[in-house]
Amino acid sequence: MADWQEVFVPDTPLLEIVVRGSVMYLALFTLLRVILKRESGTTGVTDLLVIVLLADAAQNGMSGGYNSITDGVLLVGVIVGWSYLLNAIAYRWQAAARLIRPGSLVLVRDGQILRHHMRRELITNEELHALLRKQGIADLARVREVRMESDGAFSVTTRTPGRPRDDLDDPGHLG
């Protein structure tokens, strides 16, 4: 027979769940936003593994070993609440938006690789050229600009042959 009190009555103080959920959400947000920005634009096998391991590692820190459904629902509510709150803050205040959702970073401008930006995001020449090949671009001279967007995806704009360097031709998006 089921012990309904164990299932529905919280066994962890509610404030503790809110604090644990808040700290872990903000820590993971910072980690993913600052350190793993480039990885967020794609989802491969290694990315999925990182997500699963992060979730498993964070679970104990967030839950403190709860057993009741109520504890779990509250924890999920805290996580969703922080996500909504950060999006609302970024929408309302430009200064906060720069921290929460950073702008794009130019990696190539007018066919010239900006090495200090590539170094900052740990992107190799081989990775850059692979991205360009996927976009059908073999010659770096055709590239007006390559940007790493805030979500980690790459966007490429090229020049039309025979036109001045300032004209945009073919905006593309690499993910």
N, C-alpha and C. Protein backbone atom coordinates (compact mmCIF):
# COMPACT_ATOMS: atom_id res chain seq x y z
N MET A 1 0.84 -1.18 0.00
CA MET A 1 0.00 0.00 0.00
C MET A 1 0.89 1.25 0.00
N ALA A 2 0.49 2.26 -0.75
CA ALA A 2 1.28 3.47 -0.90
C ALA A 2 1.18 4.35 0.34
N ASP A 3 2.28 4.98 0.68
CA ASP A 3 2.30 5.95 1.77
C ASP A 3 2.11 7.33 1.14
N TRP A 4 0.86 7.80 1.06
CA TRP A 4 0.53 9.04 0.35
C TRP A 4 1.17 10.25 1.01
N GLN A 5 1.38 10.21 2.29
CA GLN A 5 2.04 11.34 2.95
C GLN A 5 3.47 11.48 2.44
N GLU A 6 4.17 10.36 2.27
CA GLU A 6 5.54 10.40 1.75
C GLU A 6 5.57 10.90 0.31
N VAL A 7 4.52 10.58 -0.44
CA VAL A 7 4.46 10.97 -1.85
C VAL A 7 4.19 12.47 -2.01
N PHE A 8 3.28 13.04 -1.21
CA PHE A 8 2.83 14.41 -1.43
C PHE A 8 3.31 15.44 -0.41
N VAL A 9 3.62 15.04 0.79
CA VAL A 9 4.03 16.00 1.81
C VAL A 9 5.53 16.24 1.69
N PRO A 10 5.91 17.51 1.54
CA PRO A 10 7.34 17.81 1.38
C PRO A 10 8.15 17.31 2.57
N ASP A 11 9.31 16.72 2.29
CA ASP A 11 10.19 16.27 3.37
C ASP A 11 11.41 17.17 3.49
N THR A 12 11.51 18.15 2.63
CA THR A 12 12.58 19.14 2.68
C THR A 12 11.94 20.50 2.89
N PRO A 13 12.49 21.34 3.74
CA PRO A 13 11.91 22.68 3.91
C PRO A 13 11.83 23.41 2.56
N LEU A 14 10.68 24.03 2.30
CA LEU A 14 10.43 24.65 0.99
C LEU A 14 11.45 25.75 0.67
N LEU A 15 11.84 26.54 1.65
CA LEU A 15 12.84 27.58 1.42
C LEU A 15 14.17 26.97 0.99
N GLU A 16 14.52 25.84 1.58
CA GLU A 16 15.77 25.17 1.19
C GLU A 16 15.72 24.74 -0.28
N ILE A 17 14.58 24.25 -0.73
CA ILE A 17 14.45 23.86 -2.14
C ILE A 17 14.61 25.07 -3.04
N VAL A 18 13.99 26.20 -2.67
CA VAL A 18 14.09 27.42 -3.47
C VAL A 18 15.54 27.90 -3.53
N VAL A 19 16.23 27.90 -2.39
CA VAL A 19 17.63 28.36 -2.36
C VAL A 19 18.52 27.42 -3.17
N ARG A 20 18.38 26.11 -2.95
CA ARG A 20 19.19 25.14 -3.70
C ARG A 20 18.94 25.26 -5.20
N GLY A 21 17.68 25.32 -5.60
CA GLY A 21 17.35 25.44 -7.02
C GLY A 21 17.89 26.72 -7.63
N SER A 22 17.78 27.81 -6.88
CA SER A 22 18.26 29.11 -7.37
C SER A 22 19.78 29.11 -7.55
N VAL A 23 20.49 28.65 -6.54
CA VAL A 23 21.96 28.63 -6.62
C VAL A 23 22.43 27.74 -7.77
N MET A 24 21.86 26.55 -7.89
CA MET A 24 22.29 25.63 -8.94
C MET A 24 21.91 26.16 -10.33
N TYR A 25 20.72 26.73 -10.47
CA TYR A 25 20.32 27.29 -11.77
C TYR A 25 21.27 28.40 -12.18
N LEU A 26 21.52 29.34 -11.29
CA LEU A 26 22.39 30.47 -11.63
C LEU A 26 23.83 30.01 -11.88
N ALA A 27 24.30 29.02 -11.13
CA ALA A 27 25.65 28.50 -11.36
C ALA A 27 25.74 27.83 -12.73
N LEU A 28 24.77 27.00 -13.06
CA LEU A 28 24.77 26.33 -14.37
C LEU A 28 24.60 27.33 -15.50
N PHE A 29 23.72 28.33 -15.31
CA PHE A 29 23.54 29.37 -16.32
C PHE A 29 24.85 30.08 -16.60
N THR A 30 25.56 30.45 -15.53
CA THR A 30 26.84 31.14 -15.69
C THR A 30 27.86 30.24 -16.39
N LEU A 31 27.94 29.01 -15.97
CA LEU A 31 28.87 28.07 -16.58
C LEU A 31 28.59 27.91 -18.07
N LEU A 32 27.34 27.66 -18.42
CA LEU A 32 26.99 27.44 -19.82
C LEU A 32 27.11 28.72 -20.64
N ARG A 33 26.79 29.85 -20.06
CA ARG A 33 26.82 31.12 -20.77
C ARG A 33 28.26 31.60 -21.00
N VAL A 34 29.08 31.47 -20.00
CA VAL A 34 30.44 32.02 -20.08
C VAL A 34 31.42 31.02 -20.68
N ILE A 35 31.41 29.81 -20.19
CA ILE A 35 32.45 28.86 -20.56
C ILE A 35 32.09 28.05 -21.80
N LEU A 36 30.85 27.60 -21.89
CA LEU A 36 30.47 26.70 -22.98
C LEU A 36 29.61 27.37 -24.04
N LYS A 37 29.77 28.66 -24.26
CA LYS A 37 28.95 29.41 -25.22
C LYS A 37 28.99 28.77 -26.60
N ARG A 38 30.16 28.43 -27.07
CA ARG A 38 30.31 27.88 -28.41
C ARG A 38 29.59 26.56 -28.56
N GLU A 39 29.50 25.79 -27.48
CA GLU A 39 28.89 24.47 -27.55
C GLU A 39 27.38 24.52 -27.61
N SER A 40 26.77 25.65 -27.26
CA SER A 40 25.31 25.68 -27.17
C SER A 40 24.62 25.77 -28.52
N GLY A 41 25.33 26.10 -29.59
CA GLY A 41 24.71 26.25 -30.90
C GLY A 41 24.44 24.94 -31.60
N THR A 42 25.02 23.87 -31.15
CA THR A 42 24.82 22.58 -31.78
C THR A 42 24.56 21.54 -30.70
N THR A 43 23.97 20.44 -31.10
CA THR A 43 23.74 19.36 -30.15
C THR A 43 24.24 18.07 -30.77
N GLY A 44 25.44 17.68 -30.41
CA GLY A 44 26.00 16.42 -30.86
C GLY A 44 26.02 15.43 -29.70
N VAL A 45 26.63 14.29 -29.94
CA VAL A 45 26.69 13.25 -28.91
C VAL A 45 27.43 13.75 -27.68
N THR A 46 28.56 14.41 -27.87
CA THR A 46 29.30 14.90 -26.71
C THR A 46 28.52 15.99 -25.98
N ASP A 47 27.80 16.84 -26.72
CA ASP A 47 26.99 17.87 -26.09
C ASP A 47 25.89 17.24 -25.24
N LEU A 48 25.25 16.21 -25.78
CA LEU A 48 24.21 15.51 -25.03
C LEU A 48 24.78 14.89 -23.76
N LEU A 49 25.97 14.33 -23.88
CA LEU A 49 26.63 13.74 -22.72
C LEU A 49 26.90 14.80 -21.66
N VAL A 50 27.38 15.96 -22.07
CA VAL A 50 27.63 17.05 -21.13
C VAL A 50 26.34 17.46 -20.43
N ILE A 51 25.25 17.56 -21.17
CA ILE A 51 23.97 17.94 -20.58
C ILE A 51 23.51 16.91 -19.56
N VAL A 52 23.60 15.64 -19.92
CA VAL A 52 23.18 14.57 -19.00
C VAL A 52 24.03 14.58 -17.74
N LEU A 53 25.35 14.71 -17.90
CA LEU A 53 26.23 14.71 -16.74
C LEU A 53 26.02 15.94 -15.86
N LEU A 54 25.79 17.10 -16.50
CA LEU A 54 25.49 18.30 -15.73
C LEU A 54 24.20 18.12 -14.94
N ALA A 55 23.20 17.56 -15.59
CA ALA A 55 21.92 17.35 -14.91
C ALA A 55 22.09 16.40 -13.72
N ASP A 56 22.83 15.34 -13.93
CA ASP A 56 23.04 14.38 -12.85
C ASP A 56 23.84 15.00 -11.70
N ALA A 57 24.89 15.75 -12.06
CA ALA A 57 25.72 16.37 -11.03
C ALA A 57 24.93 17.44 -10.27
N ALA A 58 24.09 18.18 -10.97
CA ALA A 58 23.34 19.26 -10.34
C ALA A 58 22.17 18.75 -9.52
N GLN A 59 21.66 17.59 -9.87
CA GLN A 59 20.47 17.06 -9.21
C GLN A 59 20.63 16.95 -7.70
N ASN A 60 21.72 16.39 -7.25
CA ASN A 60 21.93 16.25 -5.81
C ASN A 60 22.08 17.59 -5.13
N GLY A 61 22.77 18.51 -5.79
CA GLY A 61 22.92 19.84 -5.21
C GLY A 61 21.60 20.58 -5.11
N MET A 62 20.72 20.34 -6.07
CA MET A 62 19.43 21.01 -6.05
C MET A 62 18.45 20.35 -5.09
N SER A 63 18.39 19.04 -5.13
CA SER A 63 17.33 18.35 -4.41
C SER A 63 17.64 18.08 -2.95
N GLY A 64 18.88 17.84 -2.63
CA GLY A 64 19.22 17.46 -1.27
C GLY A 64 18.61 16.11 -0.89
N GLY A 65 18.28 15.30 -1.89
CA GLY A 65 17.76 13.97 -1.62
C GLY A 65 16.28 13.92 -1.30
N TYR A 66 15.46 14.77 -1.91
CA TYR A 66 14.03 14.75 -1.62
C TYR A 66 13.35 13.49 -2.15
N ASN A 67 12.17 13.19 -1.61
CA ASN A 67 11.40 12.02 -2.03
C ASN A 67 10.00 12.37 -2.52
N SER A 68 9.44 13.48 -2.09
CA SER A 68 8.04 13.76 -2.42
C SER A 68 7.89 14.43 -3.78
N ILE A 69 6.73 14.25 -4.37
CA ILE A 69 6.40 14.90 -5.64
C ILE A 69 6.37 16.40 -5.45
N THR A 70 5.85 16.85 -4.33
CA THR A 70 5.75 18.28 -4.05
C THR A 70 7.12 18.94 -4.10
N ASP A 71 8.12 18.30 -3.50
CA ASP A 71 9.49 18.83 -3.54
C ASP A 71 9.96 18.95 -4.99
N GLY A 72 9.73 17.91 -5.78
CA GLY A 72 10.16 17.91 -7.18
C GLY A 72 9.46 18.97 -8.00
N VAL A 73 8.15 19.12 -7.80
CA VAL A 73 7.38 20.13 -8.54
C VAL A 73 7.87 21.53 -8.17
N LEU A 74 8.11 21.77 -6.90
CA LEU A 74 8.61 23.07 -6.48
C LEU A 74 9.98 23.35 -7.10
N LEU A 75 10.86 22.37 -7.11
CA LEU A 75 12.18 22.55 -7.70
C LEU A 75 12.09 22.87 -9.19
N VAL A 76 11.26 22.16 -9.90
CA VAL A 76 11.05 22.45 -11.33
C VAL A 76 10.50 23.87 -11.49
N GLY A 77 9.57 24.26 -10.62
CA GLY A 77 9.02 25.62 -10.67
C GLY A 77 10.09 26.69 -10.45
N VAL A 78 11.01 26.43 -9.53
CA VAL A 78 12.11 27.37 -9.27
C VAL A 78 12.98 27.51 -10.52
N ILE A 79 13.31 26.40 -11.15
CA ILE A 79 14.17 26.43 -12.34
C ILE A 79 13.48 27.18 -13.49
N VAL A 80 12.22 26.86 -13.74
CA VAL A 80 11.47 27.54 -14.80
C VAL A 80 11.30 29.01 -14.45
N GLY A 81 11.07 29.29 -13.18
CA GLY A 81 10.92 30.68 -12.75
C GLY A 81 12.16 31.51 -13.00
N TRP A 82 13.33 30.97 -12.69
CA TRP A 82 14.58 31.69 -12.96
C TRP A 82 14.77 31.92 -14.45
N SER A 83 14.46 30.92 -15.25
CA SER A 83 14.58 31.07 -16.70
C SER A 83 13.69 32.21 -17.20
N TYR A 84 12.45 32.21 -16.75
CA TYR A 84 11.51 33.26 -17.15
C TYR A 84 11.98 34.63 -16.65
N LEU A 85 12.40 34.70 -15.39
CA LEU A 85 12.84 35.96 -14.80
C LEU A 85 14.04 36.54 -15.55
N LEU A 86 15.03 35.72 -15.84
CA LEU A 86 16.20 36.22 -16.57
C LEU A 86 15.83 36.71 -17.97
N ASN A 87 14.93 35.99 -18.65
CA ASN A 87 14.47 36.45 -19.97
C ASN A 87 13.71 37.76 -19.86
N ALA A 88 12.87 37.91 -18.83
CA ALA A 88 12.12 39.15 -18.64
C ALA A 88 13.05 40.31 -18.33
N ILE A 89 14.04 40.07 -17.49
CA ILE A 89 15.01 41.12 -17.16
C ILE A 89 15.78 41.54 -18.41
N ALA A 90 16.21 40.59 -19.21
CA ALA A 90 16.95 40.90 -20.44
C ALA A 90 16.07 41.67 -21.42
N TYR A 91 14.79 41.36 -21.46
CA TYR A 91 13.86 42.06 -22.35
C TYR A 91 13.68 43.50 -21.92
N ARG A 92 13.60 43.71 -20.61
CA ARG A 92 13.27 45.02 -20.08
C ARG A 92 14.47 45.97 -19.97
N TRP A 93 15.66 45.45 -19.62
CA TRP A 93 16.83 46.30 -19.39
C TRP A 93 17.98 45.91 -20.30
N GLN A 94 18.40 46.87 -21.12
CA GLN A 94 19.47 46.64 -22.10
C GLN A 94 20.78 46.24 -21.45
N ALA A 95 21.13 46.87 -20.33
CA ALA A 95 22.39 46.54 -19.65
C ALA A 95 22.39 45.09 -19.19
N ALA A 96 21.28 44.64 -18.66
CA ALA A 96 21.18 43.24 -18.23
C ALA A 96 21.19 42.30 -19.43
N ALA A 97 20.58 42.73 -20.52
CA ALA A 97 20.53 41.89 -21.73
C ALA A 97 21.94 41.59 -22.24
N ARG A 98 22.85 42.55 -22.12
CA ARG A 98 24.23 42.32 -22.57
C ARG A 98 24.90 41.23 -21.75
N LEU A 99 24.56 41.11 -20.48
CA LEU A 99 25.13 40.06 -19.64
C LEU A 99 24.43 38.72 -19.86
N ILE A 100 23.12 38.77 -19.97
CA ILE A 100 22.34 37.54 -20.09
C ILE A 100 22.38 36.97 -21.49
N ARG A 101 22.27 37.84 -22.48
CA ARG A 101 22.32 37.43 -23.89
C ARG A 101 23.38 38.27 -24.59
N PRO A 102 24.60 37.81 -24.63
CA PRO A 102 25.66 38.63 -25.22
C PRO A 102 25.46 38.79 -26.72
N GLY A 103 26.09 39.82 -27.26
CA GLY A 103 26.03 40.05 -28.70
C GLY A 103 26.90 39.05 -29.44
N SER A 104 26.85 39.15 -30.74
CA SER A 104 27.66 38.26 -31.56
C SER A 104 29.12 38.73 -31.56
N LEU A 105 30.00 37.83 -31.97
CA LEU A 105 31.43 38.11 -32.01
C LEU A 105 31.92 37.90 -33.44
N VAL A 106 32.55 38.92 -34.01
CA VAL A 106 33.06 38.83 -35.38
C VAL A 106 34.34 38.01 -35.38
N LEU A 107 34.38 36.95 -36.21
CA LEU A 107 35.56 36.09 -36.34
C LEU A 107 36.34 36.38 -37.61
N VAL A 108 35.63 36.81 -38.67
CA VAL A 108 36.26 37.16 -39.94
C VAL A 108 35.60 38.44 -40.42
N ARG A 109 36.43 39.40 -40.85
CA ARG A 109 35.92 40.64 -41.43
C ARG A 109 36.67 40.91 -42.72
N ASP A 110 35.92 41.04 -43.81
CA ASP A 110 36.48 41.32 -45.14
C ASP A 110 37.60 40.34 -45.49
N GLY A 111 37.35 39.07 -45.27
CA GLY A 111 38.30 38.02 -45.65
C GLY A 111 39.47 37.86 -44.70
N GLN A 112 39.55 38.66 -43.65
CA GLN A 112 40.66 38.60 -42.70
C GLN A 112 40.20 37.95 -41.40
N ILE A 113 40.90 36.93 -40.97
CA ILE A 113 40.57 36.25 -39.72
C ILE A 113 41.01 37.12 -38.55
N LEU A 114 40.10 37.32 -37.62
CA LEU A 114 40.42 38.07 -36.39
C LEU A 114 40.88 37.06 -35.34
N ARG A 115 42.17 36.83 -35.33
CA ARG A 115 42.75 35.75 -34.52
C ARG A 115 42.50 35.90 -33.02
N HIS A 116 42.51 37.13 -32.52
CA HIS A 116 42.29 37.30 -31.08
C HIS A 116 40.86 36.89 -30.69
N HIS A 117 39.89 37.08 -31.57
CA HIS A 117 38.53 36.61 -31.30
C HIS A 117 38.45 35.09 -31.41
N MET A 118 39.16 34.53 -32.38
CA MET A 118 39.19 33.07 -32.53
C MET A 118 39.81 32.43 -31.29
N ARG A 119 40.90 33.02 -30.83
CA ARG A 119 41.58 32.50 -29.63
C ARG A 119 40.66 32.58 -28.41
N ARG A 120 39.95 33.68 -28.29
CA ARG A 120 39.07 33.89 -27.14
C ARG A 120 38.00 32.80 -27.04
N GLU A 121 37.51 32.34 -28.18
CA GLU A 121 36.46 31.31 -28.19
C GLU A 121 37.01 29.92 -28.49
N LEU A 122 38.35 29.78 -28.57
CA LEU A 122 39.01 28.50 -28.80
C LEU A 122 38.56 27.84 -30.11
N ILE A 123 38.46 28.65 -31.15
CA ILE A 123 38.08 28.15 -32.48
C ILE A 123 39.33 28.08 -33.33
N THR A 124 39.60 26.91 -33.89
CA THR A 124 40.80 26.73 -34.70
C THR A 124 40.51 27.14 -36.15
N ASN A 125 41.60 27.35 -36.91
CA ASN A 125 41.45 27.64 -38.34
C ASN A 125 40.72 26.50 -39.05
N GLU A 126 41.04 25.27 -38.66
CA GLU A 126 40.40 24.11 -39.28
C GLU A 126 38.89 24.13 -39.05
N GLU A 127 38.47 24.47 -37.82
CA GLU A 127 37.03 24.54 -37.53
C GLU A 127 36.37 25.63 -38.36
N LEU A 128 37.02 26.78 -38.45
CA LEU A 128 36.47 27.89 -39.23
C LEU A 128 36.32 27.50 -40.69
N HIS A 129 37.35 26.90 -41.27
CA HIS A 129 37.30 26.52 -42.68
C HIS A 129 36.27 25.41 -42.91
N ALA A 130 36.09 24.51 -41.95
CA ALA A 130 35.04 23.48 -42.07
C ALA A 130 33.66 24.14 -42.09
N LEU A 131 33.46 25.15 -41.24
CA LEU A 131 32.18 25.86 -41.24
C LEU A 131 31.94 26.55 -42.59
N LEU A 132 32.98 27.15 -43.13
CA LEU A 132 32.84 27.82 -44.42
C LEU A 132 32.55 26.82 -45.54
N ARG A 133 33.23 25.67 -45.51
CA ARG A 133 32.96 24.64 -46.54
C ARG A 133 31.52 24.16 -46.46
N LYS A 134 31.00 24.00 -45.27
CA LYS A 134 29.60 23.59 -45.12
C LYS A 134 28.65 24.62 -45.73
N GLN A 135 29.08 25.86 -45.76
CA GLN A 135 28.29 26.95 -46.35
C GLN A 135 28.57 27.07 -47.85
N GLY A 136 29.48 26.23 -48.37
CA GLY A 136 29.80 26.27 -49.80
C GLY A 136 30.81 27.33 -50.16
N ILE A 137 31.61 27.74 -49.20
CA ILE A 137 32.60 28.80 -49.43
C ILE A 137 33.99 28.20 -49.30
N ALA A 138 34.73 28.22 -50.40
CA ALA A 138 36.08 27.66 -50.40
C ALA A 138 37.14 28.75 -50.26
N ASP A 139 36.80 29.97 -50.66
CA ASP A 139 37.77 31.07 -50.69
C ASP A 139 37.42 32.10 -49.62
N LEU A 140 38.31 32.29 -48.66
CA LEU A 140 38.10 33.25 -47.58
C LEU A 140 37.92 34.67 -48.11
N ALA A 141 38.47 34.96 -49.28
CA ALA A 141 38.33 36.30 -49.87
C ALA A 141 36.87 36.63 -50.20
N ARG A 142 36.03 35.62 -50.38
CA ARG A 142 34.60 35.84 -50.66
C ARG A 142 33.81 36.24 -49.42
N VAL A 143 34.42 36.06 -48.25
CA VAL A 143 33.70 36.27 -46.99
C VAL A 143 33.77 37.73 -46.59
N ARG A 144 32.60 38.31 -46.37
CA ARG A 144 32.54 39.66 -45.83
C ARG A 144 32.64 39.58 -44.31
N GLU A 145 31.89 38.61 -43.72
CA GLU A 145 31.91 38.52 -42.27
C GLU A 145 31.44 37.14 -41.81
N VAL A 146 32.10 36.64 -40.75
CA VAL A 146 31.65 35.44 -40.04
C VAL A 146 31.47 35.87 -38.60
N ARG A 147 30.31 35.55 -38.05
CA ARG A 147 30.02 35.90 -36.66
C ARG A 147 29.65 34.66 -35.89
N MET A 148 30.10 34.59 -34.63
CA MET A 148 29.58 33.60 -33.72
C MET A 148 28.47 34.31 -32.95
N GLU A 149 27.25 33.81 -33.13
CA GLU A 149 26.09 34.43 -32.52
C GLU A 149 26.03 34.08 -31.03
N SER A 150 25.16 34.75 -30.31
CA SER A 150 25.08 34.56 -28.86
C SER A 150 24.66 33.15 -28.48
N ASP A 151 23.99 32.43 -29.41
CA ASP A 151 23.58 31.06 -29.10
C ASP A 151 24.65 30.03 -29.48
N GLY A 152 25.80 30.50 -29.96
CA GLY A 152 26.89 29.60 -30.33
C GLY A 152 26.89 29.21 -31.79
N ALA A 153 25.83 29.55 -32.52
CA ALA A 153 25.77 29.26 -33.96
C ALA A 153 26.62 30.28 -34.72
N PHE A 154 26.96 29.95 -35.95
CA PHE A 154 27.77 30.82 -36.78
C PHE A 154 26.95 31.33 -37.95
N SER A 155 27.09 32.62 -38.26
CA SER A 155 26.44 33.17 -39.44
C SER A 155 27.52 33.75 -40.35
N VAL A 156 27.27 33.65 -41.66
CA VAL A 156 28.25 34.05 -42.66
C VAL A 156 27.58 34.97 -43.66
N THR A 157 28.25 36.07 -43.99
CA THR A 157 27.81 36.91 -45.11
C THR A 157 28.97 36.98 -46.09
N THR A 158 28.62 36.90 -47.38
CA THR A 158 29.64 36.93 -48.43
C THR A 158 29.45 38.16 -49.31
N ARG A 159 30.48 38.44 -50.09
CA ARG A 159 30.42 39.53 -51.07
C ARG A 159 30.09 38.96 -52.44
N THR A 160 29.38 39.75 -53.23
CA THR A 160 29.14 39.37 -54.61
C THR A 160 30.39 39.70 -55.41
N PRO A 161 30.89 38.76 -56.22
CA PRO A 161 32.07 39.05 -57.03
C PRO A 161 31.85 40.29 -57.90
N GLY A 162 32.85 41.16 -57.92
CA GLY A 162 32.79 42.35 -58.75
C GLY A 162 32.13 43.54 -58.06
N ARG A 163 31.57 43.36 -56.89
CA ARG A 163 30.95 44.47 -56.16
C ARG A 163 31.91 44.98 -55.10
N PRO A 164 31.70 46.21 -54.64
CA PRO A 164 32.56 46.74 -53.58
C PRO A 164 32.47 45.89 -52.31
N ARG A 165 33.48 46.01 -51.47
CA ARG A 165 33.58 45.20 -50.26
C ARG A 165 32.43 45.45 -49.29
N ASP A 166 31.77 46.59 -49.36
CA ASP A 166 30.72 46.91 -48.40
C ASP A 166 29.37 46.29 -48.73
N ASP A 167 29.19 45.80 -49.96
CA ASP A 167 27.90 45.22 -50.34
C ASP A 167 27.74 43.84 -49.75
N LEU A 168 26.58 43.58 -49.21
CA LEU A 168 26.26 42.24 -48.71
C LEU A 168 25.60 41.45 -49.82
N ASP A 169 25.92 40.19 -49.88
CA ASP A 169 25.32 39.34 -50.91
C ASP A 169 24.46 38.26 -50.31
N ASP A 170 25.12 37.29 -49.72
CA ASP A 170 24.45 36.04 -49.37
C ASP A 170 24.53 35.77 -47.88
N PRO A 171 23.53 36.25 -47.10
CA PRO A 171 23.59 35.91 -45.67
C PRO A 171 23.26 34.46 -45.47
N GLY A 172 24.07 33.78 -44.69
CA GLY A 172 23.84 32.38 -44.40
C GLY A 172 23.89 32.16 -42.90
N HIS A 173 23.52 30.97 -42.48
CA HIS A 173 23.52 30.66 -41.05
C HIS A 173 24.02 29.24 -40.87
N LEU A 174 25.06 29.13 -40.05
CA LEU A 174 25.61 27.80 -39.74
C LEU A 174 25.23 27.49 -38.32
N GLY A 175 24.84 26.23 -38.05
CA GLY A 175 24.44 25.91 -36.67
C GLY A 175 25.20 24.83 -36.07
